[in-house]
């Protein structure tokens, strides 16, 4: 069975060449000098993102838009995590008895 990666932005299947680039760059994270010589994909926090050819062209043409899209995704993830932790806190306080006066 072949697993197909999806583009981070448009959610289409990656072309075989883009998928190979992503896998090679991901496996090369431990060797920064080699990674610097082969890096082609956009990265966030030093990790490559799986992107299709058309999205990669758009990222290269307008990097500011790319940074804004990544920032929105990171903010959304942080808000979801905070809501989850607050919900867990409410559930635990309802289930566990507190100190008795």
PDB file of N, CA and C in Angstrom:
ATOM      1  N   UNK A   1       0.838  -1.176   0.000  1.00  0.00           N
ATOM      2  CA  UNK A   1       0.000   0.000   0.000  1.00  0.00           C
ATOM      3  C   UNK A   1       0.886   1.244   0.000  1.00  0.00           C
ATOM      4  N   UNK A   2       0.565   2.177  -0.852  1.00  0.00           N
ATOM      5  CA  UNK A   2       1.333   3.414  -0.960  1.00  0.00           C
ATOM      6  C   UNK A   2       0.579   4.516  -0.229  1.00  0.00           C
ATOM      7  N   UNK A   3       1.275   5.164   0.682  1.00  0.00           N
ATOM      8  CA  UNK A   3       0.670   6.286   1.411  1.00  0.00           C
ATOM      9  C   UNK A   3       1.007   7.579   0.682  1.00  0.00           C
ATOM     10  N   UNK A   4      -0.022   8.352   0.380  1.00  0.00           N
ATOM     11  CA  UNK A   4       0.183   9.627  -0.294  1.00  0.00           C
ATOM     12  C   UNK A   4       0.117  10.752   0.720  1.00  0.00           C
ATOM     13  N   UNK A   5       1.089  11.630   0.664  1.00  0.00           N
ATOM     14  CA  UNK A   5       1.064  12.820   1.513  1.00  0.00           C
ATOM     15  C   UNK A   5       0.151  13.854   0.877  1.00  0.00           C
ATOM     16  N   UNK A   6      -0.343  14.745   1.697  1.00  0.00           N
ATOM     17  CA  UNK A   6      -1.217  15.812   1.221  1.00  0.00           C
ATOM     18  C   UNK A   6      -0.524  17.148   1.381  1.00  0.00           C
ATOM     19  N   UNK A   7      -0.862  18.081   0.506  1.00  0.00           N
ATOM     20  CA  UNK A   7      -0.314  19.430   0.561  1.00  0.00           C
ATOM     21  C   UNK A   7      -0.830  20.128   1.820  1.00  0.00           C
ATOM     22  N   UNK A   8       0.044  20.848   2.466  1.00  0.00           N
ATOM     23  CA  UNK A   8      -0.310  21.532   3.719  1.00  0.00           C
ATOM     24  C   UNK A   8      -1.321  22.651   3.481  1.00  0.00           C
ATOM     25  N   UNK A   9      -1.341  23.224   2.288  1.00  0.00           N
ATOM     26  CA  UNK A   9      -2.202  24.385   2.032  1.00  0.00           C
ATOM     27  C   UNK A   9      -3.482  24.041   1.278  1.00  0.00           C
ATOM     28  N   UNK A  10      -3.387  23.274   0.189  1.00  0.00           N
ATOM     29  CA  UNK A  10      -4.585  23.004  -0.629  1.00  0.00           C
ATOM     30  C   UNK A  10      -5.155  21.604  -0.406  1.00  0.00           C
ATOM     31  N   UNK A  11      -4.462  20.746   0.339  1.00  0.00           N
ATOM     32  CA  UNK A  11      -4.896  19.400   0.696  1.00  0.00           C
ATOM     33  C   UNK A  11      -4.994  18.460  -0.517  1.00  0.00           C
ATOM     34  N   UNK A  12      -4.343  18.787  -1.620  1.00  0.00           N
ATOM     35  CA  UNK A  12      -4.253  17.865  -2.751  1.00  0.00           C
ATOM     36  C   UNK A  12      -3.145  16.857  -2.494  1.00  0.00           C
ATOM     37  N   UNK A  13      -3.174  15.755  -3.253  1.00  0.00           N
ATOM     38  CA  UNK A  13      -2.087  14.783  -3.146  1.00  0.00           C
ATOM     39  C   UNK A  13      -0.811  15.395  -3.700  1.00  0.00           C
ATOM     40  N   UNK A  14       0.309  15.086  -3.045  1.00  0.00           N
ATOM     41  CA  UNK A  14       1.597  15.572  -3.541  1.00  0.00           C
ATOM     42  C   UNK A  14       2.012  14.784  -4.774  1.00  0.00           C
ATOM     43  N   UNK A  15       2.683  15.477  -5.688  1.00  0.00           N
ATOM     44  CA  UNK A  15       3.264  14.802  -6.828  1.00  0.00           C
ATOM     45  C   UNK A  15       4.393  13.907  -6.314  1.00  0.00           C
ATOM     46  N   UNK A  16       4.731  12.834  -7.032  1.00  0.00           N
ATOM     47  CA  UNK A  16       5.794  11.939  -6.549  1.00  0.00           C
ATOM     48  C   UNK A  16       7.117  12.656  -6.282  1.00  0.00           C
ATOM     49  N   UNK A  17       7.491  13.613  -7.120  1.00  0.00           N
ATOM     50  CA  UNK A  17       8.751  14.333  -6.916  1.00  0.00           C
ATOM     51  C   UNK A  17       8.695  15.178  -5.637  1.00  0.00           C
ATOM     52  N   UNK A  18       7.566  15.828  -5.396  1.00  0.00           N
ATOM     53  CA  UNK A  18       7.429  16.646  -4.184  1.00  0.00           C
ATOM     54  C   UNK A  18       7.411  15.767  -2.928  1.00  0.00           C
ATOM     55  N   UNK A  19       6.770  14.610  -3.027  1.00  0.00           N
ATOM     56  CA  UNK A  19       6.738  13.707  -1.892  1.00  0.00           C
ATOM     57  C   UNK A  19       8.143  13.190  -1.579  1.00  0.00           C
ATOM     58  N   UNK A  20       8.918  12.883  -2.630  1.00  0.00           N
ATOM     59  CA  UNK A  20      10.296  12.433  -2.432  1.00  0.00           C
ATOM     60  C   UNK A  20      11.136  13.539  -1.797  1.00  0.00           C
ATOM     61  N   UNK A  21      10.967  14.780  -2.265  1.00  0.00           N
ATOM     62  CA  UNK A  21      11.693  15.908  -1.663  1.00  0.00           C
ATOM     63  C   UNK A  21      11.374  16.036  -0.184  1.00  0.00           C
ATOM     64  N   UNK A  22      10.090  15.943   0.138  1.00  0.00           N
ATOM     65  CA  UNK A  22       9.670  16.063   1.538  1.00  0.00           C
ATOM     66  C   UNK A  22      10.296  14.955   2.387  1.00  0.00           C
ATOM     67  N   UNK A  23      10.257  13.724   1.900  1.00  0.00           N
ATOM     68  CA  UNK A  23      10.818  12.609   2.667  1.00  0.00           C
ATOM     69  C   UNK A  23      12.326  12.745   2.847  1.00  0.00           C
ATOM     70  N   UNK A  24      13.031  13.154   1.794  1.00  0.00           N
ATOM     71  CA  UNK A  24      14.484  13.309   1.896  1.00  0.00           C
ATOM     72  C   UNK A  24      14.837  14.439   2.855  1.00  0.00           C
ATOM     73  N   UNK A  25      14.139  15.560   2.761  1.00  0.00           N
ATOM     74  CA  UNK A  25      14.432  16.678   3.657  1.00  0.00           C
ATOM     75  C   UNK A  25      14.086  16.330   5.104  1.00  0.00           C
ATOM     76  N   UNK A  26      13.016  15.593   5.316  1.00  0.00           N
ATOM     77  CA  UNK A  26      12.649  15.190   6.671  1.00  0.00           C
ATOM     78  C   UNK A  26      13.685  14.245   7.263  1.00  0.00           C
ATOM     79  N   UNK A  27      14.192  13.323   6.455  1.00  0.00           N
ATOM     80  CA  UNK A  27      15.192  12.369   6.938  1.00  0.00           C
ATOM     81  C   UNK A  27      16.556  13.022   7.145  1.00  0.00           C
ATOM     82  N   UNK A  28      16.796  14.175   6.531  1.00  0.00           N
ATOM     83  CA  UNK A  28      18.095  14.844   6.612  1.00  0.00           C
ATOM     84  C   UNK A  28      18.153  15.920   7.685  1.00  0.00           C
ATOM     85  N   UNK A  29      17.169  15.989   8.567  1.00  0.00           N
ATOM     86  CA  UNK A  29      17.139  17.040   9.590  1.00  0.00           C
ATOM     87  C   UNK A  29      18.330  16.951  10.543  1.00  0.00           C
ATOM     88  N   UNK A  30      18.889  15.766  10.721  1.00  0.00           N
ATOM     89  CA  UNK A  30      20.016  15.600  11.634  1.00  0.00           C
ATOM     90  C   UNK A  30      21.335  16.091  11.091  1.00  0.00           C
ATOM     91  N   UNK A  31      21.413  16.372   9.798  1.00  0.00           N
ATOM     92  CA  UNK A  31      22.659  16.824   9.170  1.00  0.00           C
ATOM     93  C   UNK A  31      22.427  18.208   8.550  1.00  0.00           C
ATOM     94  N   UNK A  32      22.603  19.282   9.326  1.00  0.00           N
ATOM     95  CA  UNK A  32      22.262  20.630   8.847  1.00  0.00           C
ATOM     96  C   UNK A  32      23.036  21.071   7.610  1.00  0.00           C
ATOM     97  N   UNK A  33      24.291  20.677   7.473  1.00  0.00           N
ATOM     98  CA  UNK A  33      25.056  21.123   6.305  1.00  0.00           C
ATOM     99  C   UNK A  33      24.519  20.474   5.029  1.00  0.00           C
ATOM    100  N   UNK A  34      24.178  19.196   5.099  1.00  0.00           N
ATOM    101  CA  UNK A  34      23.600  18.519   3.938  1.00  0.00           C
ATOM    102  C   UNK A  34      22.216  19.071   3.635  1.00  0.00           C
ATOM    103  N   UNK A  35      21.425  19.306   4.687  1.00  0.00           N
ATOM    104  CA  UNK A  35      20.074  19.839   4.500  1.00  0.00           C
ATOM    105  C   UNK A  35      20.108  21.213   3.842  1.00  0.00           C
ATOM    106  N   UNK A  36      21.065  22.045   4.227  1.00  0.00           N
ATOM    107  CA  UNK A  36      21.167  23.379   3.622  1.00  0.00           C
ATOM    108  C   UNK A  36      21.455  23.297   2.130  1.00  0.00           C
ATOM    109  N   UNK A  37      22.176  22.275   1.712  1.00  0.00           N
ATOM    110  CA  UNK A  37      22.505  22.156   0.292  1.00  0.00           C
ATOM    111  C   UNK A  37      21.352  21.599  -0.546  1.00  0.00           C
ATOM    112  N   UNK A  38      20.417  20.876   0.083  1.00  0.00           N
ATOM    113  CA  UNK A  38      19.320  20.288  -0.688  1.00  0.00           C
ATOM    114  C   UNK A  38      17.972  20.947  -0.439  1.00  0.00           C
ATOM    115  N   UNK A  39      17.886  21.865   0.514  1.00  0.00           N
ATOM    116  CA  UNK A  39      16.593  22.429   0.903  1.00  0.00           C
ATOM    117  C   UNK A  39      15.903  23.108  -0.267  1.00  0.00           C
ATOM    118  N   UNK A  40      14.672  22.688  -0.555  1.00  0.00           N
ATOM    119  CA  UNK A  40      13.851  23.283  -1.605  1.00  0.00           C
ATOM    120  C   UNK A  40      12.459  23.648  -1.103  1.00  0.00           C
ATOM    121  N   UNK A  41      11.964  22.907  -0.109  1.00  0.00           N
ATOM    122  CA  UNK A  41      10.605  23.123   0.384  1.00  0.00           C
ATOM    123  C   UNK A  41      10.566  24.221   1.438  1.00  0.00           C
ATOM    124  N   UNK A  42       9.441  24.920   1.566  1.00  0.00           N
ATOM    125  CA  UNK A  42       9.313  25.897   2.645  1.00  0.00           C
ATOM    126  C   UNK A  42       9.350  25.180   3.992  1.00  0.00           C
ATOM    127  N   UNK A  43       9.837  25.860   5.003  1.00  0.00           N
ATOM    128  CA  UNK A  43       9.985  25.234   6.317  1.00  0.00           C
ATOM    129  C   UNK A  43       9.438  26.144   7.408  1.00  0.00           C
ATOM    130  N   UNK A  44       8.982  25.517   8.470  1.00  0.00           N
ATOM    131  CA  UNK A  44       8.523  26.225   9.669  1.00  0.00           C
ATOM    132  C   UNK A  44       9.239  25.604  10.842  1.00  0.00           C
ATOM    133  N   UNK A  45       9.964  26.413  11.586  1.00  0.00           N
ATOM    134  CA  UNK A  45      10.698  25.902  12.730  1.00  0.00           C
ATOM    135  C   UNK A  45      11.774  24.906  12.344  1.00  0.00           C
ATOM    136  N   UNK A  46      12.313  25.015  11.145  1.00  0.00           N
ATOM    137  CA  UNK A  46      13.360  24.118  10.698  1.00  0.00           C
ATOM    138  C   UNK A  46      12.853  22.823  10.094  1.00  0.00           C
ATOM    139  N   UNK A  47      11.555  22.577  10.138  1.00  0.00           N
ATOM    140  CA  UNK A  47      10.987  21.352   9.576  1.00  0.00           C
ATOM    141  C   UNK A  47      10.308  21.664   8.243  1.00  0.00           C
ATOM    142  N   UNK A  48      10.569  20.859   7.210  1.00  0.00           N
ATOM    143  CA  UNK A  48       9.950  21.109   5.908  1.00  0.00           C
ATOM    144  C   UNK A  48       8.449  20.838   5.932  1.00  0.00           C
ATOM    145  N   UNK A  49       7.725  21.569   5.096  1.00  0.00           N
ATOM    146  CA  UNK A  49       6.284  21.374   4.966  1.00  0.00           C
ATOM    147  C   UNK A  49       5.983  20.630   3.679  1.00  0.00           C
ATOM    148  N   UNK A  50       5.058  19.688   3.701  1.00  0.00           N
ATOM    149  CA  UNK A  50       4.669  19.027   2.461  1.00  0.00           C
ATOM    150  C   UNK A  50       3.767  19.956   1.639  1.00  0.00           C
ATOM    151  N   UNK A  51       4.273  20.430   0.516  1.00  0.00           N
ATOM    152  CA  UNK A  51       3.496  21.315  -0.351  1.00  0.00           C
ATOM    153  C   UNK A  51       3.573  20.820  -1.787  1.00  0.00           C
ATOM    154  N   UNK A  52       2.480  21.021  -2.536  1.00  0.00           N
ATOM    155  CA  UNK A  52       2.471  20.640  -3.944  1.00  0.00           C
ATOM    156  C   UNK A  52       3.247  21.685  -4.758  1.00  0.00           C
ATOM    157  N   UNK A  53       3.458  21.389  -5.999  1.00  0.00           N
ATOM    158  CA  UNK A  53       4.269  22.260  -6.859  1.00  0.00           C
ATOM    159  C   UNK A  53       3.637  23.648  -7.017  1.00  0.00           C
ATOM    160  N   UNK A  54       2.307  23.695  -7.204  1.00  0.00           N
ATOM    161  CA  UNK A  54       1.666  25.001  -7.408  1.00  0.00           C
ATOM    162  C   UNK A  54       1.699  25.836  -6.123  1.00  0.00           C
ATOM    163  N   UNK A  55       1.507  25.215  -4.970  1.00  0.00           N
ATOM    164  CA  UNK A  55       1.585  25.967  -3.711  1.00  0.00           C
ATOM    165  C   UNK A  55       3.015  26.411  -3.428  1.00  0.00           C
ATOM    166  N   UNK A  56       3.991  25.584  -3.804  1.00  0.00           N
ATOM    167  CA  UNK A  56       5.385  25.975  -3.610  1.00  0.00           C
ATOM    168  C   UNK A  56       5.716  27.189  -4.466  1.00  0.00           C
ATOM    169  N   UNK A  57       5.205  27.228  -5.688  1.00  0.00           N
ATOM    170  CA  UNK A  57       5.428  28.397  -6.548  1.00  0.00           C
ATOM    171  C   UNK A  57       4.785  29.643  -5.942  1.00  0.00           C
ATOM    172  N   UNK A  58       3.594  29.478  -5.378  1.00  0.00           N
ATOM    173  CA  UNK A  58       2.920  30.615  -4.752  1.00  0.00           C
ATOM    174  C   UNK A  58       3.681  31.100  -3.521  1.00  0.00           C
ATOM    175  N   UNK A  59       4.240  30.166  -2.742  1.00  0.00           N
ATOM    176  CA  UNK A  59       5.021  30.536  -1.562  1.00  0.00           C
ATOM    177  C   UNK A  59       6.275  31.285  -1.974  1.00  0.00           C
ATOM    178  N   UNK A  60       6.948  30.815  -3.018  1.00  0.00           N
ATOM    179  CA  UNK A  60       8.163  31.480  -3.486  1.00  0.00           C
ATOM    180  C   UNK A  60       7.862  32.858  -4.056  1.00  0.00           C
ATOM    181  N   UNK A  61       6.682  33.027  -4.661  1.00  0.00           N
ATOM    182  CA  UNK A  61       6.313  34.313  -5.252  1.00  0.00           C
ATOM    183  C   UNK A  61       5.906  35.331  -4.187  1.00  0.00           C
ATOM    184  N   UNK A  62       5.302  34.865  -3.091  1.00  0.00           N
ATOM    185  CA  UNK A  62       4.806  35.774  -2.061  1.00  0.00           C
ATOM    186  C   UNK A  62       5.081  35.198  -0.675  1.00  0.00           C
ATOM    187  N   UNK A  63       6.316  35.314  -0.176  1.00  0.00           N
ATOM    188  CA  UNK A  63       6.651  34.725   1.130  1.00  0.00           C
ATOM    189  C   UNK A  63       5.910  35.365   2.306  1.00  0.00           C
ATOM    190  N   UNK A  64       5.522  36.622   2.200  1.00  0.00           N
ATOM    191  CA  UNK A  64       4.801  37.273   3.299  1.00  0.00           C
ATOM    192  C   UNK A  64       3.438  36.616   3.510  1.00  0.00           C
ATOM    193  N   UNK A  65       2.776  36.274   2.432  1.00  0.00           N
ATOM    194  CA  UNK A  65       1.477  35.595   2.523  1.00  0.00           C
ATOM    195  C   UNK A  65       1.641  34.220   3.174  1.00  0.00           C
ATOM    196  N   UNK A  66       2.731  33.544   2.840  1.00  0.00           N
ATOM    197  CA  UNK A  66       3.031  32.235   3.429  1.00  0.00           C
ATOM    198  C   UNK A  66       3.218  32.360   4.937  1.00  0.00           C
ATOM    199  N   UNK A  67       4.002  33.339   5.372  1.00  0.00           N
ATOM    200  CA  UNK A  67       4.231  33.530   6.806  1.00  0.00           C
ATOM    201  C   UNK A  67       2.927  33.847   7.532  1.00  0.00           C
ATOM    202  N   UNK A  68       2.049  34.634   6.908  1.00  0.00           N
ATOM    203  CA  UNK A  68       0.764  34.964   7.521  1.00  0.00           C
ATOM    204  C   UNK A  68      -0.113  33.714   7.648  1.00  0.00           C
ATOM    205  N   UNK A  69      -0.107  32.854   6.629  1.00  0.00           N
ATOM    206  CA  UNK A  69      -0.907  31.623   6.677  1.00  0.00           C
ATOM    207  C   UNK A  69      -0.405  30.687   7.761  1.00  0.00           C
ATOM    208  N   UNK A  70       0.903  30.585   7.906  1.00  0.00           N
ATOM    209  CA  UNK A  70       1.476  29.722   8.943  1.00  0.00           C
ATOM    210  C   UNK A  70       1.168  30.286  10.321  1.00  0.00           C
ATOM    211  N   UNK A  71       1.232  31.599  10.480  1.00  0.00           N
ATOM    212  CA  UNK A  71       0.937  32.220  11.772  1.00  0.00           C
ATOM    213  C   UNK A  71      -0.523  31.982  12.166  1.00  0.00           C
ATOM    214  N   UNK A  72      -1.440  32.064  11.197  1.00  0.00           N
ATOM    215  CA  UNK A  72      -2.855  31.792  11.486  1.00  0.00           C
ATOM    216  C   UNK A  72      -3.040  30.353  11.946  1.00  0.00           C
ATOM    217  N   UNK A  73      -2.351  29.422  11.299  1.00  0.00           N
ATOM    218  CA  UNK A  73      -2.464  28.006  11.662  1.00  0.00           C
ATOM    219  C   UNK A  73      -1.937  27.779  13.071  1.00  0.00           C
ATOM    220  N   UNK A  74      -0.799  28.385  13.397  1.00  0.00           N
ATOM    221  CA  UNK A  74      -0.227  28.212  14.729  1.00  0.00           C
ATOM    222  C   UNK A  74      -1.121  28.835  15.789  1.00  0.00           C
ATOM    223  N   UNK A  75      -1.726  29.984  15.513  1.00  0.00           N
ATOM    224  CA  UNK A  75      -2.631  30.623  16.453  1.00  0.00           C
ATOM    225  C   UNK A  75      -3.860  29.751  16.674  1.00  0.00           C
ATOM    226  N   UNK A  76      -4.412  29.216  15.595  1.00  0.00           N
ATOM    227  CA  UNK A  76      -5.591  28.364  15.690  1.00  0.00           C
ATOM    228  C   UNK A  76      -5.288  27.128  16.544  1.00  0.00           C
ATOM    229  N   UNK A  77      -4.120  26.537  16.349  1.00  0.00           N
ATOM    230  CA  UNK A  77      -3.732  25.369  17.124  1.00  0.00           C
ATOM    231  C   UNK A  77      -3.586  25.722  18.604  1.00  0.00           C
ATOM    232  N   UNK A  78      -3.008  26.871  18.899  1.00  0.00           N
ATOM    233  CA  UNK A  78      -2.858  27.300  20.281  1.00  0.00           C
ATOM    234  C   UNK A  78      -4.197  27.555  20.957  1.00  0.00           C
ATOM    235  N   UNK A  79      -5.136  28.141  20.250  1.00  0.00           N
ATOM    236  CA  UNK A  79      -6.464  28.413  20.810  1.00  0.00           C
ATOM    237  C   UNK A  79      -7.183  27.097  21.081  1.00  0.00           C
ATOM    238  N   UNK A  80      -7.091  26.156  20.174  1.00  0.00           N
ATOM    239  CA  UNK A  80      -7.732  24.853  20.369  1.00  0.00           C
ATOM    240  C   UNK A  80      -7.122  24.144  21.577  1.00  0.00           C
ATOM    241  N   UNK A  81      -5.807  24.199  21.713  1.00  0.00           N
ATOM    242  CA  UNK A  81      -5.148  23.563  22.861  1.00  0.00           C
ATOM    243  C   UNK A  81      -5.587  24.212  24.165  1.00  0.00           C
ATOM    244  N   UNK A  82      -5.671  25.529  24.198  1.00  0.00           N
ATOM    245  CA  UNK A  82      -6.098  26.226  25.419  1.00  0.00           C
ATOM    246  C   UNK A  82      -7.535  25.862  25.783  1.00  0.00           C
ATOM    247  N   UNK A  83      -8.424  25.803  24.796  1.00  0.00           N
ATOM    248  CA  UNK A  83      -9.817  25.422  25.056  1.00  0.00           C
ATOM    249  C   UNK A  83      -9.893  23.990  25.580  1.00  0.00           C
ATOM    250  N   UNK A  84      -9.082  23.111  25.031  1.00  0.00           N
ATOM    251  CA  UNK A  84      -9.064  21.728  25.494  1.00  0.00           C
ATOM    252  C   UNK A  84      -8.605  21.617  26.932  1.00  0.00           C
ATOM    253  N   UNK A  85      -7.571  22.353  27.290  1.00  0.00           N
ATOM    254  CA  UNK A  85      -7.083  22.319  28.671  1.00  0.00           C
ATOM    255  C   UNK A  85      -8.108  22.903  29.650  1.00  0.00           C
ATOM    256  N   UNK A  86      -8.761  23.981  29.255  1.00  0.00           N
ATOM    257  CA  UNK A  86      -9.799  24.549  30.123  1.00  0.00           C
ATOM    258  C   UNK A  86     -10.959  23.576  30.298  1.00  0.00           C
ATOM    259  N   UNK A  87     -11.363  22.921  29.228  1.00  0.00           N
ATOM    260  CA  UNK A  87     -12.446  21.937  29.314  1.00  0.00           C
ATOM    261  C   UNK A  87     -12.062  20.787  30.224  1.00  0.00           C
ATOM    262  N   UNK A  88     -10.839  20.316  30.096  1.00  0.00           N
ATOM    263  CA  UNK A  88     -10.361  19.239  30.957  1.00  0.00           C
ATOM    264  C   UNK A  88     -10.381  19.677  32.422  1.00  0.00           C
ATOM    265  N   UNK A  89      -9.978  20.901  32.693  1.00  0.00           N
ATOM    266  CA  UNK A  89     -10.009  21.418  34.054  1.00  0.00           C
ATOM    267  C   UNK A  89     -11.416  21.459  34.621  1.00  0.00           C
ATOM    268  N   UNK A  90     -12.392  21.896  33.821  1.00  0.00           N
ATOM    269  CA  UNK A  90     -13.779  21.934  34.287  1.00  0.00           C
ATOM    270  C   UNK A  90     -14.302  20.532  34.578  1.00  0.00           C
ATOM    271  N   UNK A  91     -13.984  19.584  33.718  1.00  0.00           N
ATOM    272  CA  UNK A  91     -14.441  18.202  33.916  1.00  0.00           C
ATOM    273  C   UNK A  91     -13.819  17.618  35.174  1.00  0.00           C
ATOM    274  N   UNK A  92     -12.533  17.829  35.362  1.00  0.00           N
ATOM    275  CA  UNK A  92     -11.868  17.284  36.539  1.00  0.00           C
ATOM    276  C   UNK A  92     -12.391  17.899  37.837  1.00  0.00           C
ATOM    277  N   UNK A  93     -12.663  19.199  37.821  1.00  0.00           N
ATOM    278  CA  UNK A  93     -13.200  19.821  39.043  1.00  0.00           C
ATOM    279  C   UNK A  93     -14.620  19.326  39.332  1.00  0.00           C
ATOM    280  N   UNK A  94     -15.366  18.969  38.308  1.00  0.00           N
ATOM    281  CA  UNK A  94     -16.716  18.443  38.516  1.00  0.00           C
ATOM    282  C   UNK A  94     -16.666  16.997  39.016  1.00  0.00           C
ATOM    283  N   UNK A  95     -15.686  16.223  38.556  1.00  0.00           N
ATOM    284  CA  UNK A  95     -15.615  14.812  38.933  1.00  0.00           C
ATOM    285  C   UNK A  95     -14.902  14.575  40.262  1.00  0.00           C
ATOM    286  N   UNK A  96     -13.889  15.330  40.533  1.00  0.00           N
ATOM    287  CA  UNK A  96     -13.103  15.118  41.747  1.00  0.00           C
ATOM    288  C   UNK A  96     -13.631  16.013  42.872  1.00  0.00           C
ATOM    289  N   UNK A  97     -13.855  15.418  44.020  1.00  0.00           N
ATOM    290  CA  UNK A  97     -14.352  16.265  45.133  1.00  0.00           C
ATOM    291  C   UNK A  97     -13.249  17.182  45.644  1.00  0.00           C
ATOM    292  N   UNK A  98     -13.629  18.373  45.966  1.00  0.00           N
ATOM    293  CA  UNK A  98     -12.675  19.352  46.496  1.00  0.00           C
ATOM    294  C   UNK A  98     -12.569  19.213  48.004  1.00  0.00           C
ATOM    295  N   UNK A  99     -11.795  20.088  48.630  1.00  0.00           N
ATOM    296  CA  UNK A  99     -11.655  20.037  50.099  1.00  0.00           C
ATOM    297  C   UNK A  99     -12.993  20.347  50.764  1.00  0.00           C
ATOM    298  N   UNK A 100     -13.290  19.631  51.840  1.00  0.00           N
ATOM    299  CA  UNK A 100     -14.549  19.842  52.541  1.00  0.00           C
ATOM    300  C   UNK A 100     -14.353  20.785  53.706  1.00  0.00           C
ATOM    301  N   UNK A 101     -15.283  21.658  53.844  1.00  0.00           N
ATOM    302  CA  UNK A 101     -15.176  22.645  54.931  1.00  0.00           C
ATOM    303  C   UNK A 101     -15.904  22.189  56.161  1.00  0.00           C
TER     304      UNK A 101
END
